[in-house]
Amino acid sequence: MSDLPELVAPYRLIALDAVNSTNEYARNLAADTRDDHVVVWARRQTAGRGRYGRAWESPPGNLYCSVLLRPACDIAKAAQLSFLTAVALAEVVQDLVGQDRAVGCKWPNDILVDGAKIAGILLESQASGEVLNSVVVGTGVNVTAHPPDDAVETGATSLHAMETNVPAERVLERYVANFAQWLGVWTEKGFDPVRSRWLDFAVGMGRPIRVRLANETIHGTFEGLDETGGLVVDTGQGGRRVITAGDVFFS
């Protein structure tokens, strides 16, 4: 490959023309090595996936990457990396599309611009019992193309659709640099500053919300995040639910 991205230290790049899934590649790397701070980047995925194994369309031109980390924390705390990643991506996207565009973080793992999805995050942890071995932080960013609006609940967009013509290589460089800064903040100061910054970008604060769980649907008002990143829903009449996993829809 020519014109490879240049990453900040200590991140090391593995660049691929095509792969089934950058997350899958990184997971295999984690199992076979003790590598850390590795960024797996592919120009194209043949079997990209999102949450719950949903297919992630992966045409050439968009950004597909996964960061392999071995954080010194437990499994529960590692889940906070999803919010850290969202903040890092949201700040980069905001800088690229300009302040006139509304960039937001939709719980738990989407980045929106003017209400349409532009990026998604997939966090996967590997553990032995309660001992965390590694975390793979996968991200997909619509740079040059996006799915049809009816394929995504919120609709979809891309940097190109926002008249921002920046190649995936440069987006990756900026994202990894910002991710590294926020990882340092999280490591030194914990989740509070990450949580505070995520709430700056939060989509739907104070609005009616519907959260679809495996066996029920919760209705209420989006109140915020708890100290661990759980979605806080005011269900009315003094009721309050903290959701750790589910699909979110706003009225």
C-alpha atoms as a PDB file:
ATOM      1  CA  MET A   1       0.000   0.000   0.000  1.00  0.00           C
ATOM      2  CA  SER A   2       1.136   3.538  -0.708  1.00  0.00           C
ATOM      3  CA  ASP A   3       0.387   6.638   1.353  1.00  0.00           C
ATOM      4  CA  LEU A   4      -0.015   4.709   4.578  1.00  0.00           C
ATOM      5  CA  PRO A   5      -1.374   6.533   7.637  1.00  0.00           C
ATOM      6  CA  GLU A   6       1.213   7.702  10.152  1.00  0.00           C
ATOM      7  CA  LEU A   7       0.133   6.971  13.713  1.00  0.00           C
ATOM      8  CA  VAL A   8       1.218   8.541  16.975  1.00  0.00           C
ATOM      9  CA  ALA A   9       3.447   6.453  19.240  1.00  0.00           C
ATOM     10  CA  PRO A  10       3.092   3.835  20.620  1.00  0.00           C
ATOM     11  CA  TYR A  11       0.450   2.730  18.100  1.00  0.00           C
ATOM     12  CA  ARG A  12       1.555   0.327  15.374  1.00  0.00           C
ATOM     13  CA  LEU A  13      -0.314  -0.027  12.089  1.00  0.00           C
ATOM     14  CA  ILE A  14      -1.279  -3.243  10.332  1.00  0.00           C
ATOM     15  CA  ALA A  15      -2.570  -2.203   6.903  1.00  0.00           C
ATOM     16  CA  LEU A  16      -4.607  -4.608   4.772  1.00  0.00           C
ATOM     17  CA  ASP A  17      -6.161  -4.256   1.345  1.00  0.00           C
ATOM     18  CA  ALA A  18      -9.073  -6.490   2.367  1.00  0.00           C
ATOM     19  CA  VAL A  19     -10.064  -8.604   5.354  1.00  0.00           C
ATOM     20  CA  ASN A  20     -13.197 -10.347   6.542  1.00  0.00           C
ATOM     21  CA  SER A  21     -13.393  -8.096   9.613  1.00  0.00           C
ATOM     22  CA  THR A  22     -10.788  -5.887  11.267  1.00  0.00           C
ATOM     23  CA  ASN A  23     -12.213  -6.866  14.651  1.00  0.00           C
ATOM     24  CA  GLU A  24     -11.833 -10.544  13.827  1.00  0.00           C
ATOM     25  CA  TYR A  25      -8.259 -10.010  12.674  1.00  0.00           C
ATOM     26  CA  ALA A  26      -7.439  -8.100  15.882  1.00  0.00           C
ATOM     27  CA  ARG A  27      -9.101 -10.747  18.061  1.00  0.00           C
ATOM     28  CA  ASN A  28      -6.978 -13.460  16.448  1.00  0.00           C
ATOM     29  CA  LEU A  29      -3.886 -11.314  16.908  1.00  0.00           C
ATOM     30  CA  ALA A  30      -4.734 -10.905  20.594  1.00  0.00           C
ATOM     31  CA  ALA A  31      -5.047 -14.668  21.008  1.00  0.00           C
ATOM     32  CA  ASP A  32      -1.776 -15.447  19.226  1.00  0.00           C
ATOM     33  CA  THR A  33       0.495 -12.669  20.542  1.00  0.00           C
ATOM     34  CA  ARG A  34       1.016 -10.278  23.442  1.00  0.00           C
ATOM     35  CA  ASP A  35       0.788  -7.270  21.127  1.00  0.00           C
ATOM     36  CA  ASP A  36      -0.684  -4.037  22.459  1.00  0.00           C
ATOM     37  CA  HIS A  37      -1.594  -0.665  20.918  1.00  0.00           C
ATOM     38  CA  VAL A  38      -2.027  -2.195  17.469  1.00  0.00           C
ATOM     39  CA  VAL A  39      -4.313  -0.602  14.873  1.00  0.00           C
ATOM     40  CA  VAL A  40      -5.689  -2.967  12.229  1.00  0.00           C
ATOM     41  CA  TRP A  41      -6.878  -1.018   9.191  1.00  0.00           C
ATOM     42  CA  ALA A  42      -8.393  -2.362   5.986  1.00  0.00           C
ATOM     43  CA  ARG A  43      -9.496  -0.612   2.838  1.00  0.00           C
ATOM     44  CA  ARG A  44     -12.345  -3.103   2.510  1.00  0.00           C
ATOM     45  CA  GLN A  45     -14.132  -5.675   4.684  1.00  0.00           C
ATOM     46  CA  THR A  46     -15.844  -8.728   3.253  1.00  0.00           C
ATOM     47  CA  ALA A  47     -17.756  -9.627   6.427  1.00  0.00           C
ATOM     48  CA  GLY A  48     -17.918  -6.484   8.542  1.00  0.00           C
ATOM     49  CA  ARG A  49     -20.266  -6.592  11.499  1.00  0.00           C
ATOM     50  CA  GLY A  50     -21.852  -4.391  14.101  1.00  0.00           C
ATOM     51  CA  ARG A  51     -23.570  -5.092  17.394  1.00  0.00           C
ATOM     52  CA  TYR A  52     -25.416  -8.407  17.760  1.00  0.00           C
ATOM     53  CA  GLY A  53     -23.649  -9.698  14.633  1.00  0.00           C
ATOM     54  CA  ARG A  54     -25.473  -7.286  12.335  1.00  0.00           C
ATOM     55  CA  ALA A  55     -23.853  -6.865   8.924  1.00  0.00           C
ATOM     56  CA  TRP A  56     -21.867  -3.662   8.387  1.00  0.00           C
ATOM     57  CA  GLU A  57     -21.648  -2.641   4.749  1.00  0.00           C
ATOM     58  CA  SER A  58     -17.996  -2.057   3.903  1.00  0.00           C
ATOM     59  CA  PRO A  59     -17.415  -0.480   0.473  1.00  0.00           C
ATOM     60  CA  PRO A  60     -13.917   0.840  -0.360  1.00  0.00           C
ATOM     61  CA  GLY A  61     -13.311   4.455   0.655  1.00  0.00           C
ATOM     62  CA  ASN A  62     -14.777   4.309   4.146  1.00  0.00           C
ATOM     63  CA  LEU A  63     -12.767   3.798   7.329  1.00  0.00           C
ATOM     64  CA  TYR A  64     -12.619   0.345   8.925  1.00  0.00           C
ATOM     65  CA  CYS A  65     -10.237  -0.113  11.819  1.00  0.00           C
ATOM     66  CA  SER A  66      -9.796  -1.897  15.124  1.00  0.00           C
ATOM     67  CA  VAL A  67      -7.512  -1.003  18.024  1.00  0.00           C
ATOM     68  CA  LEU A  68      -6.079  -3.855  20.094  1.00  0.00           C
ATOM     69  CA  LEU A  69      -5.437  -2.887  23.718  1.00  0.00           C
ATOM     70  CA  ARG A  70      -4.513  -4.667  26.930  1.00  0.00           C
ATOM     71  CA  PRO A  71      -5.741  -2.245  29.616  1.00  0.00           C
ATOM     72  CA  ALA A  72      -4.937  -2.949  33.252  1.00  0.00           C
ATOM     73  CA  CYS A  73      -8.545  -3.036  34.426  1.00  0.00           C
ATOM     74  CA  ASP A  74     -11.437  -5.410  34.956  1.00  0.00           C
ATOM     75  CA  ILE A  75     -14.009  -6.376  32.339  1.00  0.00           C
ATOM     76  CA  ALA A  76     -16.677  -3.987  33.600  1.00  0.00           C
ATOM     77  CA  LYS A  77     -14.391  -0.959  33.464  1.00  0.00           C
ATOM     78  CA  ALA A  78     -13.157  -1.902  29.993  1.00  0.00           C
ATOM     79  CA  ALA A  79     -16.711  -1.283  28.711  1.00  0.00           C
ATOM     80  CA  GLN A  80     -16.061   2.436  29.314  1.00  0.00           C
ATOM     81  CA  LEU A  81     -13.708   2.390  26.330  1.00  0.00           C
ATOM     82  CA  SER A  82     -16.781   2.540  24.094  1.00  0.00           C
ATOM     83  CA  PHE A  83     -17.604   6.013  25.453  1.00  0.00           C
ATOM     84  CA  LEU A  84     -13.979   7.109  25.204  1.00  0.00           C
ATOM     85  CA  THR A  85     -13.978   6.037  21.552  1.00  0.00           C
ATOM     86  CA  ALA A  86     -17.247   7.844  20.889  1.00  0.00           C
ATOM     87  CA  VAL A  87     -15.822  11.058  22.314  1.00  0.00           C
ATOM     88  CA  ALA A  88     -12.631  10.742  20.269  1.00  0.00           C
ATOM     89  CA  LEU A  89     -14.594  10.117  17.069  1.00  0.00           C
ATOM     90  CA  ALA A  90     -17.186  12.814  17.745  1.00  0.00           C
ATOM     91  CA  GLU A  91     -14.516  15.454  18.250  1.00  0.00           C
ATOM     92  CA  VAL A  92     -12.746  14.497  15.029  1.00  0.00           C
ATOM     93  CA  VAL A  93     -15.993  14.426  13.037  1.00  0.00           C
ATOM     94  CA  GLN A  94     -17.041  17.785  14.476  1.00  0.00           C
ATOM     95  CA  ASP A  95     -13.718  19.288  13.451  1.00  0.00           C
ATOM     96  CA  LEU A  96     -14.055  17.858   9.947  1.00  0.00           C
ATOM     97  CA  VAL A  97     -17.666  18.856   9.227  1.00  0.00           C
ATOM     98  CA  GLY A  98     -17.546  22.209  11.013  1.00  0.00           C
ATOM     99  CA  GLN A  99     -19.330  23.740  13.953  1.00  0.00           C
ATOM    100  CA  ASP A 100     -22.498  24.442  11.964  1.00  0.00           C
ATOM    101  CA  ARG A 101     -23.257  20.705  11.916  1.00  0.00           C
ATOM    102  CA  ALA A 102     -24.777  18.973  14.951  1.00  0.00           C
ATOM    103  CA  VAL A 103     -22.515  16.065  15.873  1.00  0.00           C
ATOM    104  CA  GLY A 104     -23.864  13.747  18.543  1.00  0.00           C
ATOM    105  CA  CYS A 105     -23.212  10.545  20.457  1.00  0.00           C
ATOM    106  CA  LYS A 106     -26.187   8.187  20.480  1.00  0.00           C
ATOM    107  CA  TRP A 107     -26.049   5.643  23.284  1.00  0.00           C
ATOM    108  CA  PRO A 108     -24.402   3.225  23.281  1.00  0.00           C
ATOM    109  CA  ASN A 109     -22.186   3.274  20.190  1.00  0.00           C
ATOM    110  CA  ASP A 110     -23.242   5.542  17.301  1.00  0.00           C
ATOM    111  CA  ILE A 111     -22.010   8.909  16.060  1.00  0.00           C
ATOM    112  CA  LEU A 112     -24.593  11.082  14.285  1.00  0.00           C
ATOM    113  CA  VAL A 113     -24.360  14.227  12.195  1.00  0.00           C
ATOM    114  CA  ASP A 114     -27.560  16.261  11.950  1.00  0.00           C
ATOM    115  CA  GLY A 115     -29.387  13.185  13.255  1.00  0.00           C
ATOM    116  CA  ALA A 116     -27.999  10.717  10.685  1.00  0.00           C
ATOM    117  CA  LYS A 117     -25.525   7.954  11.498  1.00  0.00           C
ATOM    118  CA  ILE A 118     -21.980   8.503  10.280  1.00  0.00           C
ATOM    119  CA  ALA A 119     -20.015   6.072  12.479  1.00  0.00           C
ATOM    120  CA  GLY A 120     -20.410   3.056  14.715  1.00  0.00           C
ATOM    121  CA  ILE A 121     -18.351   1.356  17.410  1.00  0.00           C
ATOM    122  CA  LEU A 122     -18.031  -2.317  18.302  1.00  0.00           C
ATOM    123  CA  LEU A 123     -16.190  -3.206  21.514  1.00  0.00           C
ATOM    124  CA  GLU A 124     -15.181  -6.833  22.092  1.00  0.00           C
ATOM    125  CA  SER A 125     -13.342  -8.122  25.164  1.00  0.00           C
ATOM    126  CA  GLN A 126     -11.428 -11.360  25.633  1.00  0.00           C
ATOM    127  CA  ALA A 127     -11.107 -12.733  29.153  1.00  0.00           C
ATOM    128  CA  SER A 128     -10.104 -15.798  31.122  1.00  0.00           C
ATOM    129  CA  GLY A 129     -12.812 -16.026  33.749  1.00  0.00           C
ATOM    130  CA  GLU A 130     -12.837 -12.592  35.369  1.00  0.00           C
ATOM    131  CA  VAL A 131      -9.337 -11.703  34.138  1.00  0.00           C
ATOM    132  CA  LEU A 132      -9.309  -9.337  31.155  1.00  0.00           C
ATOM    133  CA  ASN A 133      -6.829 -10.377  28.493  1.00  0.00           C
ATOM    134  CA  SER A 134      -7.503  -7.843  25.748  1.00  0.00           C
ATOM    135  CA  VAL A 135      -9.992  -5.420  24.266  1.00  0.00           C
ATOM    136  CA  VAL A 136     -10.626  -4.770  20.588  1.00  0.00           C
ATOM    137  CA  VAL A 137     -12.186  -1.413  19.779  1.00  0.00           C
ATOM    138  CA  GLY A 138     -13.671  -1.522  16.285  1.00  0.00           C
ATOM    139  CA  THR A 139     -14.866   1.559  14.428  1.00  0.00           C
ATOM    140  CA  GLY A 140     -16.444   2.165  11.065  1.00  0.00           C
ATOM    141  CA  VAL A 141     -16.766   5.675   9.653  1.00  0.00           C
ATOM    142  CA  ASN A 142     -18.721   6.595   6.524  1.00  0.00           C
ATOM    143  CA  VAL A 143     -16.155   8.650   4.642  1.00  0.00           C
ATOM    144  CA  THR A 144     -17.103   8.437   0.970  1.00  0.00           C
ATOM    145  CA  ALA A 145     -20.338   6.422   1.046  1.00  0.00           C
ATOM    146  CA  HIS A 146     -23.215   5.512   3.320  1.00  0.00           C
ATOM    147  CA  PRO A 147     -26.123   3.036   3.333  1.00  0.00           C
ATOM    148  CA  PRO A 148     -29.520   4.092   1.989  1.00  0.00           C
ATOM    149  CA  ASP A 149     -31.595   5.981   4.533  1.00  0.00           C
ATOM    150  CA  ASP A 150     -34.123   3.159   4.902  1.00  0.00           C
ATOM    151  CA  ALA A 151     -31.333   0.758   5.926  1.00  0.00           C
ATOM    152  CA  VAL A 152     -30.599   2.628   9.168  1.00  0.00           C
ATOM    153  CA  GLU A 153     -33.123   3.626  11.838  1.00  0.00           C
ATOM    154  CA  THR A 154     -31.733   7.158  12.094  1.00  0.00           C
ATOM    155  CA  GLY A 155     -30.874   7.507   8.419  1.00  0.00           C
ATOM    156  CA  ALA A 156     -27.226   7.652   7.373  1.00  0.00           C
ATOM    157  CA  THR A 157     -24.687  10.109   6.040  1.00  0.00           C
ATOM    158  CA  SER A 158     -21.006  10.383   5.194  1.00  0.00           C
ATOM    159  CA  LEU A 159     -18.223  12.945   5.289  1.00  0.00           C
ATOM    160  CA  HIS A 160     -18.484  13.217   1.502  1.00  0.00           C
ATOM    161  CA  ALA A 161     -22.201  13.970   1.793  1.00  0.00           C
ATOM    162  CA  MET A 162     -21.224  16.748   4.205  1.00  0.00           C
ATOM    163  CA  GLU A 163     -18.921  18.165   1.505  1.00  0.00           C
ATOM    164  CA  THR A 164     -15.867  17.086   3.497  1.00  0.00           C
ATOM    165  CA  ASN A 165     -13.417  15.399   1.152  1.00  0.00           C
ATOM    166  CA  VAL A 166     -10.837  13.870   3.474  1.00  0.00           C
ATOM    167  CA  PRO A 167      -9.508  10.374   2.682  1.00  0.00           C
ATOM    168  CA  ALA A 168      -9.887   7.536   5.165  1.00  0.00           C
ATOM    169  CA  GLU A 169      -6.120   7.534   5.805  1.00  0.00           C
ATOM    170  CA  ARG A 170      -6.205  11.066   7.192  1.00  0.00           C
ATOM    171  CA  VAL A 171      -9.354  10.398   9.225  1.00  0.00           C
ATOM    172  CA  LEU A 172      -7.600   7.405  10.789  1.00  0.00           C
ATOM    173  CA  GLU A 173      -4.554   9.482  11.739  1.00  0.00           C
ATOM    174  CA  ARG A 174      -6.678  12.096  13.454  1.00  0.00           C
ATOM    175  CA  TYR A 175      -8.869   9.542  15.169  1.00  0.00           C
ATOM    176  CA  VAL A 176      -5.954   7.526  16.609  1.00  0.00           C
ATOM    177  CA  ALA A 177      -4.222  10.688  17.846  1.00  0.00           C
ATOM    178  CA  ASN A 178      -7.373  11.834  19.627  1.00  0.00           C
ATOM    179  CA  PHE A 179      -8.106   8.322  20.909  1.00  0.00           C
ATOM    180  CA  ALA A 180      -4.600   8.196  22.414  1.00  0.00           C
ATOM    181  CA  GLN A 181      -5.168  11.498  24.220  1.00  0.00           C
ATOM    182  CA  TRP A 182      -8.492  10.388  25.673  1.00  0.00           C
ATOM    183  CA  LEU A 183      -7.075   6.999  26.643  1.00  0.00           C
ATOM    184  CA  GLY A 184      -4.460   8.877  28.652  1.00  0.00           C
ATOM    185  CA  VAL A 185      -7.149  10.949  30.359  1.00  0.00           C
ATOM    186  CA  TRP A 186      -9.163   7.823  31.203  1.00  0.00           C
ATOM    187  CA  THR A 187      -6.100   5.991  32.516  1.00  0.00           C
ATOM    188  CA  GLU A 188      -5.020   8.867  34.740  1.00  0.00           C
ATOM    189  CA  LYS A 189      -8.335  10.388  35.833  1.00  0.00           C
ATOM    190  CA  GLY A 190     -10.929   7.672  35.381  1.00  0.00           C
ATOM    191  CA  PHE A 191     -14.331   7.762  33.704  1.00  0.00           C
ATOM    192  CA  ASP A 192     -15.674  11.093  35.008  1.00  0.00           C
ATOM    193  CA  PRO A 193     -14.039  13.383  32.399  1.00  0.00           C
ATOM    194  CA  VAL A 194     -14.940  10.958  29.607  1.00  0.00           C
ATOM    195  CA  ARG A 195     -18.538  10.783  30.845  1.00  0.00           C
ATOM    196  CA  SER A 196     -18.740  14.586  31.065  1.00  0.00           C
ATOM    197  CA  ARG A 197     -17.443  15.049  27.528  1.00  0.00           C
ATOM    198  CA  TRP A 198     -19.740  12.336  26.157  1.00  0.00           C
ATOM    199  CA  LEU A 199     -22.705  14.157  27.683  1.00  0.00           C
ATOM    200  CA  ASP A 200     -21.636  17.300  25.800  1.00  0.00           C
ATOM    201  CA  PHE A 201     -22.400  15.330  22.619  1.00  0.00           C
ATOM    202  CA  ALA A 202     -25.316  13.288  23.970  1.00  0.00           C
ATOM    203  CA  VAL A 203     -28.244  12.880  21.593  1.00  0.00           C
ATOM    204  CA  GLY A 204     -31.709  13.100  23.104  1.00  0.00           C
ATOM    205  CA  MET A 205     -31.062  14.398  26.607  1.00  0.00           C
ATOM    206  CA  GLY A 206     -34.392  15.198  28.245  1.00  0.00           C
ATOM    207  CA  ARG A 207     -36.370  13.715  25.370  1.00  0.00           C
ATOM    208  CA  PRO A 208     -38.839  10.816  25.369  1.00  0.00           C
ATOM    209  CA  ILE A 209     -36.973   7.566  24.815  1.00  0.00           C
ATOM    210  CA  ARG A 210     -37.804   3.959  24.034  1.00  0.00           C
ATOM    211  CA  VAL A 211     -35.263   1.263  24.910  1.00  0.00           C
ATOM    212  CA  ARG A 212     -35.778  -2.150  23.394  1.00  0.00           C
ATOM    213  CA  LEU A 213     -34.381  -4.958  25.543  1.00  0.00           C
ATOM    214  CA  ALA A 214     -34.382  -8.699  24.923  1.00  0.00           C
ATOM    215  CA  ASN A 215     -37.665  -9.291  26.775  1.00  0.00           C
ATOM    216  CA  GLU A 216     -39.261  -5.871  27.208  1.00  0.00           C
ATOM    217  CA  THR A 217     -39.368  -2.285  25.992  1.00  0.00           C
ATOM    218  CA  ILE A 218     -38.757   0.577  28.417  1.00  0.00           C
ATOM    219  CA  HIS A 219     -40.466   3.938  27.876  1.00  0.00           C
ATOM    220  CA  GLY A 220     -39.448   7.140  29.616  1.00  0.00           C
ATOM    221  CA  THR A 221     -37.209  10.193  29.407  1.00  0.00           C
ATOM    222  CA  PHE A 222     -33.470  10.119  28.770  1.00  0.00           C
ATOM    223  CA  GLU A 223     -31.959  11.469  31.980  1.00  0.00           C
ATOM    224  CA  GLY A 224     -28.237  10.879  31.378  1.00  0.00           C
ATOM    225  CA  LEU A 225     -25.467   8.405  32.202  1.00  0.00           C
ATOM    226  CA  ASP A 226     -24.681   6.889  35.559  1.00  0.00           C
ATOM    227  CA  GLU A 227     -21.121   6.723  36.900  1.00  0.00           C
ATOM    228  CA  THR A 228     -20.393   3.530  34.933  1.00  0.00           C
ATOM    229  CA  GLY A 229     -21.926   4.553  31.580  1.00  0.00           C
ATOM    230  CA  GLY A 230     -25.352   3.001  32.105  1.00  0.00           C
ATOM    231  CA  LEU A 231     -28.263   4.745  30.369  1.00  0.00           C
ATOM    232  CA  VAL A 232     -30.505   6.414  32.965  1.00  0.00           C
ATOM    233  CA  VAL A 233     -34.190   6.483  32.063  1.00  0.00           C
ATOM    234  CA  ASP A 234     -36.832   8.333  34.089  1.00  0.00           C
ATOM    235  CA  THR A 235     -39.872   6.085  33.737  1.00  0.00           C
ATOM    236  CA  GLY A 236     -42.207   8.553  35.475  1.00  0.00           C
ATOM    237  CA  GLN A 237     -43.784   8.808  38.929  1.00  0.00           C
ATOM    238  CA  GLY A 238     -40.405   8.532  40.602  1.00  0.00           C
ATOM    239  CA  GLY A 239     -39.357   5.446  38.664  1.00  0.00           C
ATOM    240  CA  ARG A 240     -35.828   5.162  37.324  1.00  0.00           C
ATOM    241  CA  ARG A 241     -34.098   2.469  35.299  1.00  0.00           C
ATOM    242  CA  VAL A 242     -30.408   2.076  34.492  1.00  0.00           C
ATOM    243  CA  ILE A 243     -29.874   0.211  31.207  1.00  0.00           C
ATOM    244  CA  THR A 244     -26.564  -1.441  30.355  1.00  0.00           C
ATOM    245  CA  ALA A 245     -27.480  -2.919  26.967  1.00  0.00           C
ATOM    246  CA  GLY A 246     -30.304  -2.274  24.515  1.00  0.00           C
ATOM    247  CA  ASP A 247     -31.426  -0.456  21.376  1.00  0.00           C
ATOM    248  CA  VAL A 248     -32.407   3.184  21.817  1.00  0.00           C
ATOM    249  CA  PHE A 249     -35.073   5.074  19.882  1.00  0.00           C
ATOM    250  CA  PHE A 250     -36.201   8.681  20.362  1.00  0.00           C
ATOM    251  CA  SER A 251     -39.674  10.051  19.768  1.00  0.00           C
END
